[in-house]
Amino acid sequence: MKNTLFIFFILLTNFFLRSQISENFQSWTSRNTYGTWTQITIPGTFSMVQSIVAPTGAANGSGSVGFVQLGSATTNGGTNQGKLTFPSVNTCGTLSLTIRSSGASGDFFLEKSTNNGVSWTLVQSFTNAPLTGTLYNISVNDASSSVILRINGDNIGNSTNRRTMYIHDINVTPNNNTNCSTVTSLSVPTTTLGTTTTGLQSTCGKTNDYPVNSFGSSLYGDGEDAVWSITIPSGGGNYQFDLGGSSTYKILSLHSSCTPSNSNVINWSTTSSGTSTFFTNQLSSGTYYLWVDTWPSPTCGEYSITITKLPDPPVNDNPSGAIPLTINSGTYSTYTNQYSTATSVTSPSCGNYVGEDVWFSVVVPSNGIIELDMEEGGVTDAAMSVYTGTIGSLTELGCNDDSLTNLMPYLYLTGLPVGQTLYIRVWEYGGGTTGTFDIIVNSPVPLPVELIYFEGYVYPSFNSLKWSTASEYNSDYFRIERSVDGVLWKVVGIKSASGNSNIKINYSYLDSFDDLVIHYYRLVQVDYDGNYKIYGPISLDNTKTFKKVIKYVNILGQEVNPESKGVMFELYEDGTSKKIIR
């Protein structure tokens, strides 16, 4: 049974080789067997003229077993040098092969045909082929739908320098991903922080299919370009794109359509050397195109593309997911903008916004005041903008980049509509840095009453109490309380307050008494919400016996109010008087 399978394998191998190679030995029949020749890597039939397949070792004693021997016209008495014609391929980028000459000054030529062998054009000539096997990589760079290559020892009638050539390890690379008709697909990673890569590639041998301004930067478009397609699966994702490779001055540009233009570019990044990175917005499912192009000089070079699947953006990546902040919490809260994306809301008016923003919200309290502050974390230079309105129709109220103490923002907003939701946008100045930061929101509560003074004046049968306020907030009324020992207090009067005011307001109250003692007074200010604050106490000495006052007059003898300011005279019932200065 084993012998039968072995014979079947030999027959199958012989059939396979014959299906690949056909020959025209003409008069040169020094060999009549094919032997073993496994190094051809493109499918189809090879045609040989004045050539044979040798079964022994490779031309230089290394590499795959077997080689093609192109006969010399001069050594075989013919007029035609040996020729090896390759199968037709759909576009052609490069040809690699190992070749040696049987003698000094041997020449060979690479030709191509795009009309099924009717006519041939010279791709490159090689003079003085080496006497030891040498690897050649030849750029063909033909995007035609059907390209046929051949190695020819006779350059259209040139009969000099003809030598027998030995060829092996042939590899033809199709000219893929040079334009939209030859796009090469690149898979995207499906696991978080997983990566896929093109490996090291080159734009050399490609074509300059698209003009300047086709890619993200107007400086690129004159070099040889390459294109890769990627398909984002259902649900979309957040991705990082890294452009590597040793060549200088290159661009990686992501587009929503294959033919690149500024109208369909999504993101891009350039580098003069080393690696360049860009992040995408949340890409929705579908097909996208990655273009690599170079500066006009050099026109081509090495590159690699690496795609990393990033974690999903934070929940507050957009206004619809804004995180509510607690007013007057007393402590800063830590958040991050890592893996955040750009928002479609109109760019803010400060802070060099390029994306990577996160959102918060706060409800305006009853005083209409909001104070926002941020402190450094992984982000050390941030900006902040506050918006009013509804999601989809937001209007900027304020924007800040740097506070007085560091590069983190600070905003103090007053006169805000009570009960309205504000949206707070935070991002890193200029983008490119993500990390943690601290934020706090306060609503400083102003003093209910800013009291200028509280004082009293003694009269024979009453005390005059006076006070003045510079401002009032949420103030309902004043309660005047009296005590004879400073411990037990009695309410003797109520005076309505002004509610809210930012101007000076004067108040007064007259309190009559019967007992001749020292009286203590205090002022209790009460808010609309029931909270209160006590001012005082002050003391007034009512122990003295007073003459009965008839009236008060000024220096002109005119009667005046007993509480008037300046120089006046107190006139008594017994006809005496007393000078008073207030």
Protein backbone atom coordinates (compact mmCIF):
# COMPACT_ATOMS: atom_id res chain seq x y z
CA MET A 1 0.00 0.00 0.00
CA LYS A 2 2.85 2.41 0.93
CA ASN A 3 4.66 1.69 -2.37
CA THR A 4 1.47 2.42 -4.32
CA LEU A 5 1.04 5.81 -2.56
CA PHE A 6 4.69 6.66 -3.23
CA ILE A 7 4.36 5.93 -6.98
CA PHE A 8 1.16 7.98 -7.09
CA PHE A 9 2.97 10.88 -5.43
CA ILE A 10 5.82 10.73 -7.99
CA LEU A 11 3.35 10.72 -10.88
CA LEU A 12 1.39 13.62 -9.37
CA THR A 13 4.60 15.63 -8.86
CA ASN A 14 5.70 15.01 -12.45
CA PHE A 15 2.29 16.13 -13.72
CA PHE A 16 2.43 19.29 -11.60
CA LEU A 17 5.87 20.25 -12.87
CA ARG A 18 4.89 19.65 -16.48
CA SER A 19 1.83 21.84 -15.98
CA GLN A 20 4.14 24.64 -14.85
CA ILE A 21 6.92 24.41 -17.41
CA SER A 22 6.89 23.76 -21.15
CA GLU A 23 9.98 23.98 -23.30
CA ASN A 24 11.13 24.39 -26.87
CA PHE A 25 14.51 22.65 -26.94
CA GLN A 26 14.95 23.27 -30.65
CA SER A 27 18.30 21.61 -31.61
CA TRP A 28 19.71 21.78 -28.08
CA THR A 29 18.89 18.46 -26.46
CA SER A 30 21.74 17.88 -24.08
CA ARG A 31 19.14 17.09 -21.40
CA ASN A 32 15.73 15.57 -21.81
CA THR A 33 14.45 15.43 -18.19
CA TYR A 34 13.10 18.13 -15.96
CA GLY A 35 14.43 16.93 -12.65
CA THR A 36 13.21 18.64 -9.47
CA TRP A 37 12.66 22.39 -9.59
CA THR A 38 10.49 23.88 -6.79
CA GLN A 39 11.52 27.47 -6.44
CA ILE A 40 9.06 29.16 -8.82
CA THR A 41 6.46 30.99 -6.68
CA ILE A 42 3.91 32.20 -9.22
CA PRO A 43 1.31 29.92 -10.78
CA GLY A 44 1.09 29.25 -14.48
CA THR A 45 3.23 27.92 -17.33
CA PHE A 46 6.83 29.02 -17.89
CA SER A 47 7.96 28.98 -21.53
CA MET A 48 11.63 28.21 -22.28
CA VAL A 49 13.53 28.79 -25.50
CA GLN A 50 17.03 27.35 -25.84
CA SER A 51 16.80 26.45 -22.12
CA ILE A 52 16.50 23.43 -19.87
CA VAL A 53 15.74 22.65 -16.24
CA ALA A 54 18.70 21.13 -14.43
CA PRO A 55 17.97 18.77 -11.51
CA THR A 56 21.20 19.32 -9.63
CA GLY A 57 22.01 21.91 -6.98
CA ALA A 58 21.30 25.59 -7.29
CA ALA A 59 23.47 27.78 -9.47
CA ASN A 60 25.78 28.79 -6.64
CA GLY A 61 25.49 25.61 -4.65
CA SER A 62 22.93 27.07 -2.23
CA GLY A 63 19.20 27.80 -2.27
CA SER A 64 16.47 25.55 -3.60
CA VAL A 65 17.31 22.45 -5.56
CA GLY A 66 17.40 22.84 -9.33
CA PHE A 67 17.80 25.74 -11.72
CA VAL A 68 16.98 26.90 -15.22
CA GLN A 69 19.89 26.91 -17.64
CA LEU A 70 19.64 29.49 -20.43
CA GLY A 71 21.79 28.34 -23.32
CA SER A 72 24.29 30.54 -25.13
CA ALA A 73 23.63 31.08 -28.85
CA THR A 74 27.33 31.16 -29.61
CA THR A 75 28.05 27.94 -27.76
CA ASN A 76 25.09 26.10 -29.25
CA GLY A 77 25.47 27.22 -32.84
CA GLY A 78 22.20 29.12 -32.90
CA THR A 79 21.26 32.71 -33.44
CA ASN A 80 19.02 33.03 -30.42
CA GLN A 81 20.15 33.26 -26.82
CA GLY A 82 18.13 31.33 -24.22
CA LYS A 83 14.91 32.96 -22.99
CA LEU A 84 12.74 32.26 -19.92
CA THR A 85 9.21 33.66 -20.18
CA PHE A 86 7.08 33.90 -17.00
CA PRO A 87 3.33 33.35 -16.65
CA SER A 88 1.12 36.40 -16.96
CA VAL A 89 0.43 38.27 -13.70
CA ASN A 90 -2.16 40.86 -12.76
CA THR A 91 0.11 43.90 -12.23
CA CYS A 92 3.74 43.52 -11.26
CA GLY A 93 5.78 45.25 -8.60
CA THR A 94 9.14 43.54 -8.24
CA LEU A 95 11.02 40.49 -9.51
CA SER A 96 13.61 38.72 -7.40
CA LEU A 97 15.87 35.96 -8.74
CA THR A 98 19.33 34.48 -8.27
CA ILE A 99 21.52 34.30 -11.39
CA ARG A 100 25.11 33.59 -12.41
CA SER A 101 27.02 33.65 -15.69
CA SER A 102 29.05 30.74 -17.02
CA GLY A 103 31.80 33.10 -18.03
CA ALA A 104 33.07 36.64 -17.87
CA SER A 105 31.27 39.55 -19.52
CA GLY A 106 27.94 37.80 -19.64
CA ASP A 107 24.87 40.00 -20.14
CA PHE A 108 21.18 39.38 -19.57
CA PHE A 109 18.06 41.52 -19.95
CA LEU A 110 14.68 41.80 -18.26
CA GLU A 111 11.82 42.53 -20.62
CA LYS A 112 8.07 42.89 -20.23
CA SER A 113 5.00 42.69 -22.42
CA THR A 114 1.53 44.02 -21.75
CA ASN A 115 -0.01 42.71 -24.99
CA ASN A 116 0.37 38.98 -24.44
CA GLY A 117 3.87 38.76 -25.89
CA VAL A 118 3.18 40.54 -29.20
CA SER A 119 5.84 43.12 -28.37
CA TRP A 120 8.46 43.50 -25.65
CA THR A 121 10.00 46.49 -23.92
CA LEU A 122 13.22 46.56 -21.98
CA VAL A 123 12.86 46.95 -18.22
CA GLN A 124 16.52 46.78 -17.26
CA SER A 125 19.79 45.44 -18.69
CA PHE A 126 22.49 43.74 -16.64
CA THR A 127 26.05 43.64 -17.92
CA ASN A 128 28.91 41.55 -16.66
CA ALA A 129 26.75 39.15 -14.69
CA PRO A 130 28.63 37.62 -11.72
CA LEU A 131 30.31 34.22 -11.87
CA THR A 132 28.73 33.26 -8.52
CA GLY A 133 25.05 33.17 -7.78
CA THR A 134 23.78 36.67 -6.88
CA LEU A 135 20.33 37.81 -5.76
CA TYR A 136 18.71 40.56 -7.86
CA ASN A 137 15.63 42.57 -6.83
CA ILE A 138 14.28 44.37 -9.87
CA SER A 139 11.51 46.99 -9.73
CA VAL A 140 9.07 46.42 -12.59
CA ASN A 141 6.35 48.77 -11.33
CA ASP A 142 3.60 48.01 -13.82
CA ALA A 143 -0.05 48.25 -12.83
CA SER A 144 -1.36 46.81 -16.12
CA SER A 145 -4.02 44.14 -15.79
CA SER A 146 -1.77 41.59 -17.52
CA VAL A 147 2.03 41.69 -17.41
CA ILE A 148 4.42 39.06 -18.85
CA LEU A 149 8.10 39.09 -17.88
CA ARG A 150 11.00 37.28 -19.48
CA ILE A 151 14.73 36.93 -18.96
CA ASN A 152 16.49 37.26 -22.31
CA GLY A 153 20.14 36.65 -23.05
CA ASP A 154 19.84 38.47 -26.36
CA ASN A 155 19.02 42.17 -26.26
CA ILE A 156 17.26 42.55 -29.63
CA GLY A 157 20.06 41.54 -31.98
CA ASN A 158 23.05 42.32 -29.74
CA SER A 159 25.23 39.26 -30.32
CA THR A 160 28.10 40.16 -27.99
CA ASN A 161 28.69 38.99 -24.42
CA ARG A 162 26.48 35.91 -24.73
CA ARG A 163 27.03 33.39 -21.97
CA THR A 164 25.09 30.49 -20.54
CA MET A 165 23.03 31.76 -17.54
CA TYR A 166 21.87 29.77 -14.51
CA ILE A 167 18.71 31.06 -12.75
CA HIS A 168 16.86 29.88 -9.65
CA ASP A 169 14.68 31.09 -6.72
CA ILE A 170 12.36 33.21 -8.81
CA ASN A 171 9.71 35.33 -7.04
CA VAL A 172 7.35 37.82 -8.65
CA THR A 173 5.58 40.29 -6.34
CA PRO A 174 2.37 41.75 -7.74
CA ASN A 175 2.22 45.53 -7.74
CA ASN A 176 -0.52 45.64 -5.12
CA ASN A 177 -1.80 48.55 -3.03
CA THR A 178 -0.53 51.22 -5.40
CA ASN A 179 -3.98 52.63 -6.27
CA CYS A 180 -7.67 51.99 -5.73
CA SER A 181 -7.74 49.10 -8.20
CA THR A 182 -5.00 47.21 -6.35
CA VAL A 183 -5.91 47.86 -2.72
CA THR A 184 -4.42 45.49 -0.14
CA SER A 185 -6.56 44.62 2.88
CA LEU A 186 -5.15 45.01 6.40
CA SER A 187 -7.02 43.38 9.26
CA VAL A 188 -7.83 45.38 12.40
CA PRO A 189 -7.37 44.02 15.94
CA THR A 190 -10.50 42.79 17.66
CA THR A 191 -9.31 42.68 21.28
CA THR A 192 -8.58 45.70 23.47
CA LEU A 193 -4.94 46.83 23.13
CA GLY A 194 -4.44 44.16 20.44
CA THR A 195 -2.40 45.13 17.39
CA THR A 196 -2.06 44.31 13.69
CA THR A 197 0.72 45.50 11.40
CA THR A 198 1.74 45.61 7.78
CA GLY A 199 5.28 44.76 8.70
CA LEU A 200 8.07 46.62 6.95
CA GLN A 201 6.91 47.81 3.53
CA SER A 202 8.17 50.19 0.85
CA THR A 203 6.56 52.69 -1.48
CA CYS A 204 9.47 52.27 -3.88
CA GLY A 205 8.24 50.72 -7.10
CA LYS A 206 4.76 52.19 -6.58
CA THR A 207 3.41 55.05 -8.63
CA ASN A 208 2.53 58.66 -7.93
CA ASP A 209 -1.19 58.28 -8.60
CA TYR A 210 -2.55 61.28 -6.70
CA PRO A 211 -1.52 64.95 -6.66
CA VAL A 212 -0.60 67.31 -3.85
CA ASN A 213 -3.50 68.11 -1.46
CA SER A 214 -4.90 64.60 -1.82
CA PHE A 215 -3.87 63.73 1.73
CA GLY A 216 -4.24 65.43 5.10
CA SER A 217 -1.21 67.70 4.67
CA SER A 218 -0.78 69.92 1.62
CA LEU A 219 2.95 69.18 1.69
CA TYR A 220 2.49 65.60 0.54
CA GLY A 221 1.31 64.02 -2.72
CA ASP A 222 4.37 64.16 -4.98
CA GLY A 223 5.85 60.87 -3.78
CA GLU A 224 5.10 57.26 -4.64
CA ASP A 225 2.07 56.19 -2.62
CA ALA A 226 0.56 52.99 -1.22
CA VAL A 227 -2.96 52.23 -0.01
CA TRP A 228 -4.40 49.73 2.47
CA SER A 229 -8.05 49.08 3.26
CA ILE A 230 -9.37 48.32 6.74
CA THR A 231 -12.83 47.14 7.72
CA ILE A 232 -14.16 48.23 11.11
CA PRO A 233 -16.56 45.58 12.49
CA SER A 234 -20.09 46.13 13.74
CA GLY A 235 -20.23 48.44 16.74
CA GLY A 236 -17.23 50.51 15.65
CA GLY A 237 -14.24 51.22 17.82
CA ASN A 238 -11.50 53.56 18.93
CA TYR A 239 -8.12 52.98 17.26
CA GLN A 240 -4.55 54.22 17.32
CA PHE A 241 -2.51 54.32 14.10
CA ASP A 242 1.30 54.32 14.20
CA LEU A 243 3.45 55.06 11.15
CA GLY A 244 6.95 53.60 11.40
CA GLY A 245 9.83 52.73 9.11
CA SER A 246 13.26 54.16 8.41
CA SER A 247 12.37 56.54 5.59
CA THR A 248 12.16 60.25 6.30
CA TYR A 249 9.30 62.64 5.55
CA LYS A 250 6.24 60.47 5.15
CA ILE A 251 2.52 60.76 5.88
CA LEU A 252 -0.18 58.32 7.00
CA SER A 253 -3.63 59.58 6.02
CA LEU A 254 -6.98 57.92 6.86
CA HIS A 255 -9.88 58.41 4.41
CA SER A 256 -13.52 57.39 4.25
CA SER A 257 -13.28 56.75 0.48
CA CYS A 258 -10.50 55.17 -1.54
CA THR A 259 -9.68 58.06 -3.85
CA PRO A 260 -7.96 60.38 -1.36
CA SER A 261 -8.92 64.03 -1.01
CA ASN A 262 -9.18 66.66 1.71
CA SER A 263 -12.96 66.22 1.65
CA ASN A 264 -12.83 62.62 2.86
CA VAL A 265 -9.79 62.68 5.14
CA ILE A 266 -10.58 61.64 8.72
CA ASN A 267 -7.20 62.01 10.41
CA TRP A 268 -3.53 62.04 9.50
CA SER A 269 -0.03 62.30 10.87
CA THR A 270 3.40 63.06 9.43
CA THR A 271 6.96 62.40 10.54
CA SER A 272 10.34 63.57 9.35
CA SER A 273 11.95 60.55 11.00
CA GLY A 274 10.97 57.78 13.37
CA THR A 275 7.39 57.05 14.38
CA SER A 276 4.27 59.20 14.14
CA THR A 277 0.91 58.50 15.80
CA PHE A 278 -2.67 59.61 15.47
CA PHE A 279 -5.89 58.54 17.16
CA THR A 280 -9.26 58.26 15.51
CA ASN A 281 -12.63 59.42 16.58
CA GLN A 282 -14.99 56.58 17.38
CA LEU A 283 -14.93 54.93 13.96
CA SER A 284 -18.25 53.47 12.93
CA SER A 285 -18.42 50.13 11.15
CA GLY A 286 -17.43 50.17 7.49
CA THR A 287 -14.43 50.27 5.17
CA TYR A 288 -11.72 52.92 5.38
CA TYR A 289 -8.48 53.53 3.47
CA LEU A 290 -4.98 54.20 4.79
CA TRP A 291 -2.65 56.01 2.41
CA VAL A 292 1.12 56.31 2.78
CA ASP A 293 2.95 58.94 0.78
CA THR A 294 6.35 60.61 0.92
CA TRP A 295 7.84 64.06 0.53
CA PRO A 296 8.97 64.91 -3.01
CA SER A 297 12.49 64.03 -1.87
CA PRO A 298 12.80 61.19 -1.14
CA THR A 299 10.02 60.05 -3.45
CA CYS A 300 9.79 56.64 -1.78
CA GLY A 301 10.99 54.70 1.23
CA GLU A 302 10.35 52.13 3.93
CA TYR A 303 7.29 52.30 6.16
CA SER A 304 5.12 50.21 8.45
CA ILE A 305 1.59 50.68 9.77
CA THR A 306 0.54 49.38 13.18
CA ILE A 307 -3.09 49.52 14.36
CA THR A 308 -3.98 49.25 18.04
CA LYS A 309 -7.54 48.80 19.30
CA LEU A 310 -7.98 51.18 22.20
CA PRO A 311 -10.41 50.78 25.10
CA ASP A 312 -13.80 52.38 24.66
CA PRO A 313 -13.90 56.14 25.39
CA PRO A 314 -14.93 57.26 28.89
CA VAL A 315 -18.65 57.55 29.63
CA ASN A 316 -18.41 61.35 29.57
CA ASP A 317 -16.77 61.48 26.14
CA ASN A 318 -19.77 63.49 24.87
CA PRO A 319 -22.24 65.95 26.45
CA SER A 320 -24.92 63.24 26.55
CA GLY A 321 -22.77 61.32 29.05
CA ALA A 322 -21.74 64.34 31.15
CA ILE A 323 -20.91 63.41 34.76
CA PRO A 324 -22.85 65.52 37.32
CA LEU A 325 -20.62 67.43 39.76
CA THR A 326 -21.61 68.06 43.40
CA ILE A 327 -21.52 71.70 44.47
CA ASN A 328 -19.52 72.57 47.62
CA SER A 329 -18.33 69.00 48.16
CA GLY A 330 -15.24 70.35 49.89
CA THR A 331 -12.79 68.14 47.98
CA TYR A 332 -11.43 67.86 44.45
CA SER A 333 -12.58 64.81 42.44
CA THR A 334 -10.21 62.95 40.10
CA TYR A 335 -11.16 62.08 36.52
CA THR A 336 -9.33 61.23 33.27
CA ASN A 337 -9.55 62.06 29.59
CA GLN A 338 -7.60 58.93 28.54
CA TYR A 339 -9.00 57.38 25.35
CA SER A 340 -11.42 60.27 24.90
CA THR A 341 -12.22 61.51 21.41
CA ALA A 342 -13.17 64.79 19.77
CA THR A 343 -16.70 66.18 20.13
CA SER A 344 -18.81 67.63 17.34
CA VAL A 345 -19.74 70.69 19.46
CA THR A 346 -18.20 73.86 18.01
CA SER A 347 -14.60 74.29 19.14
CA PRO A 348 -14.23 76.45 22.28
CA SER A 349 -12.85 79.98 22.15
CA CYS A 350 -9.66 79.25 24.08
CA GLY A 351 -7.19 76.52 24.95
CA ASN A 352 -6.01 75.41 21.47
CA TYR A 353 -8.63 72.66 21.26
CA VAL A 354 -7.87 69.62 19.06
CA GLY A 355 -10.01 66.97 20.79
CA GLU A 356 -9.65 64.44 23.61
CA ASP A 357 -12.26 66.27 25.71
CA VAL A 358 -14.57 65.04 28.48
CA TRP A 359 -17.78 66.55 29.84
CA PHE A 360 -19.39 67.33 33.21
CA SER A 361 -22.62 69.01 34.28
CA VAL A 362 -23.86 71.13 37.18
CA VAL A 363 -27.21 72.70 38.10
CA VAL A 364 -27.09 76.43 38.88
CA PRO A 365 -27.97 77.01 42.58
CA SER A 366 -30.28 79.70 43.95
CA ASN A 367 -27.57 82.35 44.14
CA GLY A 368 -26.74 82.02 40.42
CA ILE A 369 -23.01 81.65 41.14
CA ILE A 370 -20.67 78.86 39.94
CA GLU A 371 -16.94 78.63 40.71
CA LEU A 372 -14.88 75.97 38.88
CA ASP A 373 -11.27 75.07 39.55
CA MET A 374 -8.90 72.36 38.30
CA GLU A 375 -5.62 70.97 39.63
CA GLU A 376 -2.83 69.05 37.92
CA GLY A 377 -2.61 65.28 37.58
CA GLY A 378 -1.26 63.44 34.56
CA VAL A 379 -2.54 66.49 32.64
CA THR A 380 -0.57 69.58 33.61
CA ASP A 381 -1.87 72.11 31.08
CA ALA A 382 -5.65 72.02 30.55
CA ALA A 383 -8.48 74.26 29.45
CA MET A 384 -12.16 74.45 30.34
CA SER A 385 -15.31 75.86 28.76
CA VAL A 386 -18.85 76.19 30.15
CA TYR A 387 -21.98 75.91 28.00
CA THR A 388 -25.67 76.59 28.41
CA GLY A 389 -28.54 75.23 26.35
CA THR A 390 -29.57 71.74 25.36
CA ILE A 391 -27.53 68.87 23.92
CA GLY A 392 -27.17 69.52 20.22
CA SER A 393 -27.61 73.27 20.72
CA LEU A 394 -25.02 74.46 23.24
CA THR A 395 -23.79 78.04 23.61
CA GLU A 396 -20.49 78.89 25.25
CA LEU A 397 -20.73 81.07 28.39
CA GLY A 398 -17.08 81.24 29.34
CA CYS A 399 -13.67 79.73 28.57
CA ASN A 400 -10.37 79.72 30.46
CA ASP A 401 -6.93 78.29 29.85
CA ASP A 402 -4.62 79.28 32.73
CA SER A 403 -5.37 80.39 36.28
CA LEU A 404 -3.21 82.87 38.16
CA THR A 405 -1.13 80.13 39.81
CA ASN A 406 -0.59 77.39 37.19
CA LEU A 407 -1.52 76.13 33.71
CA MET A 408 -4.84 74.68 34.88
CA PRO A 409 -8.10 76.63 34.30
CA TYR A 410 -10.35 78.56 36.71
CA LEU A 411 -13.80 80.06 36.04
CA TYR A 412 -16.09 82.21 38.24
CA LEU A 413 -19.53 82.84 36.72
CA THR A 414 -22.31 84.97 38.24
CA GLY A 415 -25.84 85.94 37.26
CA LEU A 416 -26.58 82.45 35.93
CA PRO A 417 -30.18 81.26 35.43
CA VAL A 418 -31.19 79.46 38.63
CA GLY A 419 -32.00 75.76 38.10
CA GLN A 420 -30.46 75.55 34.62
CA THR A 421 -28.05 72.73 33.74
CA LEU A 422 -24.61 73.86 32.62
CA TYR A 423 -22.23 71.65 30.62
CA ILE A 424 -18.50 71.79 31.40
CA ARG A 425 -15.97 70.76 28.76
CA VAL A 426 -12.38 69.85 29.77
CA TRP A 427 -9.43 69.09 27.47
CA GLU A 428 -5.64 69.19 27.38
CA TYR A 429 -4.12 72.31 25.82
CA GLY A 430 -3.07 71.48 22.26
CA GLY A 431 -3.95 67.79 22.64
CA GLY A 432 -1.63 64.81 22.59
CA THR A 433 -1.51 64.28 26.37
CA THR A 434 -4.14 62.34 28.25
CA GLY A 435 -4.33 61.41 31.91
CA THR A 436 -5.87 62.32 35.24
CA PHE A 437 -6.86 65.73 36.55
CA ASP A 438 -8.76 67.10 39.57
CA ILE A 439 -11.84 69.30 39.42
CA ILE A 440 -14.09 70.99 42.00
CA VAL A 441 -17.23 73.13 41.72
CA ASN A 442 -18.30 75.58 44.39
CA SER A 443 -21.06 78.10 44.79
CA PRO A 444 -19.74 80.61 47.32
CA VAL A 445 -22.62 81.68 49.59
CA PRO A 446 -22.39 85.43 50.29
CA LEU A 447 -22.97 86.72 53.84
CA PRO A 448 -26.71 87.29 54.41
CA VAL A 449 -25.95 90.81 55.68
CA GLU A 450 -22.80 92.87 55.54
CA LEU A 451 -23.33 95.06 58.64
CA ILE A 452 -21.57 98.44 58.78
CA TYR A 453 -22.47 99.34 62.36
CA PHE A 454 -24.98 98.70 65.18
CA GLU A 455 -25.18 101.41 67.89
CA GLY A 456 -27.57 103.03 70.38
CA TYR A 457 -28.33 106.43 71.97
CA VAL A 458 -29.72 107.10 75.46
CA TYR A 459 -32.68 109.41 76.05
CA PRO A 460 -34.66 110.07 79.26
CA SER A 461 -37.46 107.59 78.46
CA PHE A 462 -36.30 105.68 75.40
CA ASN A 463 -33.25 104.35 73.61
CA SER A 464 -32.59 104.99 69.94
CA LEU A 465 -31.07 102.02 68.07
CA LYS A 466 -29.42 102.48 64.67
CA TRP A 467 -27.70 100.13 62.20
CA SER A 468 -26.63 100.15 58.58
CA THR A 469 -25.95 97.43 55.97
CA ALA A 470 -23.63 97.57 52.96
CA SER A 471 -25.33 94.60 51.25
CA GLU A 472 -28.00 92.03 51.94
CA TYR A 473 -28.73 88.61 50.48
CA ASN A 474 -31.88 86.61 51.12
CA SER A 475 -32.58 88.81 54.18
CA ASP A 476 -36.16 88.68 55.55
CA TYR A 477 -36.26 90.81 58.72
CA PHE A 478 -34.37 92.07 61.79
CA ARG A 479 -35.44 91.15 65.30
CA ILE A 480 -34.51 93.62 68.08
CA GLU A 481 -34.02 91.94 71.46
CA ARG A 482 -33.44 93.52 74.94
CA SER A 483 -32.02 92.13 78.17
CA VAL A 484 -31.22 93.47 81.63
CA ASP A 485 -28.67 90.75 82.46
CA GLY A 486 -27.28 89.70 79.02
CA VAL A 487 -28.68 86.19 79.52
CA LEU A 488 -32.42 86.33 79.14
CA TRP A 489 -33.59 88.16 76.05
CA LYS A 490 -36.96 89.66 75.15
CA VAL A 491 -38.09 90.58 71.65
CA VAL A 492 -39.00 94.26 71.70
CA GLY A 493 -39.42 94.91 67.97
CA ILE A 494 -39.34 93.65 64.35
CA LYS A 495 -37.96 95.57 61.38
CA SER A 496 -38.41 94.36 57.80
CA ALA A 497 -35.17 93.81 55.84
CA SER A 498 -34.51 94.62 52.20
CA GLY A 499 -34.24 91.06 50.83
CA ASN A 500 -31.40 91.47 48.36
CA SER A 501 -29.38 94.63 48.05
CA ASN A 502 -25.86 95.78 47.21
CA ILE A 503 -26.25 99.40 48.34
CA LYS A 504 -26.07 100.98 51.79
CA ILE A 505 -29.36 100.90 53.73
CA ASN A 506 -29.96 102.60 57.12
CA TYR A 507 -32.29 101.26 59.80
CA SER A 508 -33.50 102.65 63.17
CA TYR A 509 -35.72 101.61 66.07
CA LEU A 510 -36.91 103.48 69.25
CA ASP A 511 -37.34 101.38 72.38
CA SER A 512 -39.20 102.87 75.40
CA PHE A 513 -38.35 101.67 78.95
CA ASP A 514 -39.59 102.20 82.54
CA ASP A 515 -36.82 100.84 84.75
CA LEU A 516 -33.60 102.77 85.32
CA VAL A 517 -31.03 100.05 84.69
CA ILE A 518 -28.36 99.18 82.14
CA HIS A 519 -30.07 97.74 79.10
CA TYR A 520 -28.46 95.30 76.64
CA TYR A 521 -29.55 95.11 73.01
CA ARG A 522 -28.78 92.67 70.22
CA LEU A 523 -29.81 92.53 66.56
CA VAL A 524 -30.93 89.21 65.05
CA GLN A 525 -30.94 89.07 61.25
CA VAL A 526 -33.26 86.32 59.86
CA ASP A 527 -33.09 84.89 56.27
CA TYR A 528 -36.02 83.82 54.14
CA ASP A 529 -35.04 80.22 54.77
CA GLY A 530 -35.14 80.69 58.56
CA ASN A 531 -31.41 80.89 59.17
CA TYR A 532 -30.28 83.77 61.34
CA LYS A 533 -27.24 85.62 62.59
CA ILE A 534 -26.84 87.65 65.80
CA TYR A 535 -25.04 91.00 65.96
CA GLY A 536 -24.13 92.63 69.25
CA PRO A 537 -24.85 92.94 72.09
CA ILE A 538 -24.36 96.61 72.91
CA SER A 539 -25.12 98.22 76.31
CA LEU A 540 -26.89 101.51 77.13
CA ASP A 541 -26.81 103.07 80.63
CA ASN A 542 -30.30 104.12 81.67
CA THR A 543 -29.53 104.47 85.45
CA LYS A 544 -29.16 108.26 85.44
CA THR A 545 -32.03 110.67 86.38
CA PHE A 546 -32.69 113.06 83.58
CA LYS A 547 -34.20 116.55 83.57
CA LYS A 548 -37.26 116.78 81.44
CA VAL A 549 -36.23 117.90 77.96
CA ILE A 550 -38.48 120.35 76.21
CA LYS A 551 -36.77 120.47 72.84
CA TYR A 552 -33.52 120.54 70.90
CA VAL A 553 -32.32 123.63 69.00
CA ASN A 554 -29.31 124.40 66.81
CA ILE A 555 -26.93 127.33 67.19
CA LEU A 556 -29.44 129.51 65.34
CA GLY A 557 -32.16 128.71 67.84
CA GLN A 558 -34.08 126.58 65.36
CA GLU A 559 -35.74 123.44 66.73
CA VAL A 560 -34.19 120.26 65.34
CA ASN A 561 -34.64 116.51 65.55
CA PRO A 562 -33.08 115.13 68.75
CA GLU A 563 -31.16 112.60 66.62
CA SER A 564 -29.63 115.21 64.32
CA LYS A 565 -25.87 115.39 63.86
CA GLY A 566 -23.69 118.38 64.69
CA VAL A 567 -23.86 121.02 67.46
CA MET A 568 -27.18 121.45 69.25
CA PHE A 569 -28.63 122.47 72.60
CA GLU A 570 -30.84 120.44 74.91
CA LEU A 571 -33.44 122.74 76.58
CA TYR A 572 -34.94 121.59 79.92
CA GLU A 573 -38.25 122.30 81.66
CA ASP A 574 -36.52 124.24 84.46
CA GLY A 575 -35.13 126.75 81.95
CA THR A 576 -31.57 125.35 81.82
CA SER A 577 -29.80 123.97 78.74
CA LYS A 578 -26.90 121.72 77.73
CA LYS A 579 -24.63 121.85 74.70
CA ILE A 580 -24.47 118.56 72.76
CA ILE A 581 -22.13 117.64 69.92
CA ARG A 582 -22.90 114.62 67.79
